[in-house]
Protein backbone atom coordinates (compact mmCIF):
# COMPACT_ATOMS: atom_id res chain seq x y z
CA UNK A 1 21.22 -12.47 19.15
CA UNK A 2 17.61 -12.37 20.42
CA UNK A 3 14.94 -10.52 18.47
CA UNK A 4 14.28 -7.03 19.80
CA UNK A 5 10.49 -6.50 19.95
CA UNK A 6 10.85 -2.70 19.84
CA UNK A 7 12.89 -2.85 16.64
CA UNK A 8 10.47 -5.31 15.07
CA UNK A 9 7.48 -3.12 16.03
CA UNK A 10 9.22 -0.07 14.57
CA UNK A 11 9.67 -1.89 11.26
CA UNK A 12 6.00 -2.85 11.32
CA UNK A 13 5.06 0.82 11.77
CA UNK A 14 7.18 1.80 8.78
CA UNK A 15 5.52 -0.88 6.65
CA UNK A 16 2.07 0.31 7.74
CA UNK A 17 3.01 3.90 6.91
CA UNK A 18 4.18 2.80 3.47
CA UNK A 19 0.93 0.87 3.00
CA UNK A 20 -1.07 4.03 3.81
CA UNK A 21 1.01 6.04 1.33
CA UNK A 22 0.32 3.50 -1.41
CA UNK A 23 -3.38 3.41 -0.55
CA UNK A 24 -3.45 7.21 -0.85
CA UNK A 25 -1.80 6.92 -4.27
CA UNK A 26 -4.40 4.38 -5.33
CA UNK A 27 -7.18 6.76 -4.27
CA UNK A 28 -5.64 9.60 -6.27
CA UNK A 29 -5.30 7.36 -9.30
CA UNK A 30 -8.93 6.32 -8.88
CA UNK A 31 -9.98 9.98 -9.04
CA UNK A 32 -7.75 10.59 -12.05
CA UNK A 33 -9.20 7.55 -13.80
CA UNK A 34 -12.74 8.73 -13.09
CA UNK A 35 -11.95 12.17 -14.55
CA UNK A 36 -10.39 10.59 -17.64
CA UNK A 37 -13.51 8.50 -18.15
CA UNK A 38 -15.82 11.46 -17.58
CA UNK A 39 -13.92 13.69 -19.98
CA UNK A 40 -13.80 10.98 -22.63
CA UNK A 41 -10.84 12.58 -24.37
CA UNK A 42 -7.96 10.52 -22.97
CA UNK A 43 -6.61 7.81 -25.24
CA UNK A 44 -7.37 4.24 -24.19
CA UNK A 45 -3.69 3.49 -23.47
CA UNK A 46 -3.60 6.27 -20.86
CA UNK A 47 -6.69 4.97 -19.08
CA UNK A 48 -5.20 1.47 -19.18
CA UNK A 49 -1.91 2.72 -17.73
CA UNK A 50 -3.70 4.57 -14.91
CA UNK A 51 -5.78 1.48 -14.15
CA UNK A 52 -2.68 -0.75 -14.12
CA UNK A 53 -0.87 1.56 -11.72
CA UNK A 54 -3.97 1.83 -9.55
CA UNK A 55 -4.17 -1.96 -9.31
CA UNK A 56 -0.46 -2.23 -8.53
CA UNK A 57 -0.70 0.40 -5.76
CA UNK A 58 -3.75 -1.26 -4.24
CA UNK A 59 -2.10 -4.69 -4.30
CA UNK A 60 1.14 -3.39 -2.82
CA UNK A 61 -0.76 -1.52 -0.09
CA UNK A 62 -2.63 -4.68 0.85
CA UNK A 63 0.57 -6.74 0.87
CA UNK A 64 2.43 -4.23 3.03
CA UNK A 65 -0.47 -3.91 5.43
CA UNK A 66 -0.62 -7.69 5.82
CA UNK A 67 3.14 -7.85 6.35
CA UNK A 68 2.93 -5.08 8.96
CA UNK A 69 0.20 -6.95 10.84
CA UNK A 70 2.20 -10.18 10.84
CA UNK A 71 5.34 -8.35 11.93
CA UNK A 72 3.44 -6.67 14.75
CA UNK A 73 2.21 -10.06 15.89
CA UNK A 74 5.73 -11.40 15.77
CA UNK A 75 6.97 -8.44 17.84
CA UNK A 76 4.43 -9.32 20.50
CA UNK A 77 5.53 -12.94 20.59
CA UNK A 78 9.25 -12.08 20.50
CA UNK A 79 8.94 -10.11 23.71
CA UNK A 80 7.90 -13.16 25.73
């Protein structure tokens, strides 16, 4: 069965949408972390947990965005 470029491109769009959602989460966690630091009342373990989740969201967003770009490229080649 040949690869369907439209289906592949649709999957790439979903991945890019997921990447944007994770990037938005990372931005929200960044703001939360900044408020925790400014307030100075949060326990260290909470700041560490927020920072760990922020890093995980940012890494996942970058990975999904890269995968979406590669999948989009593949969709373009599959249509030839």
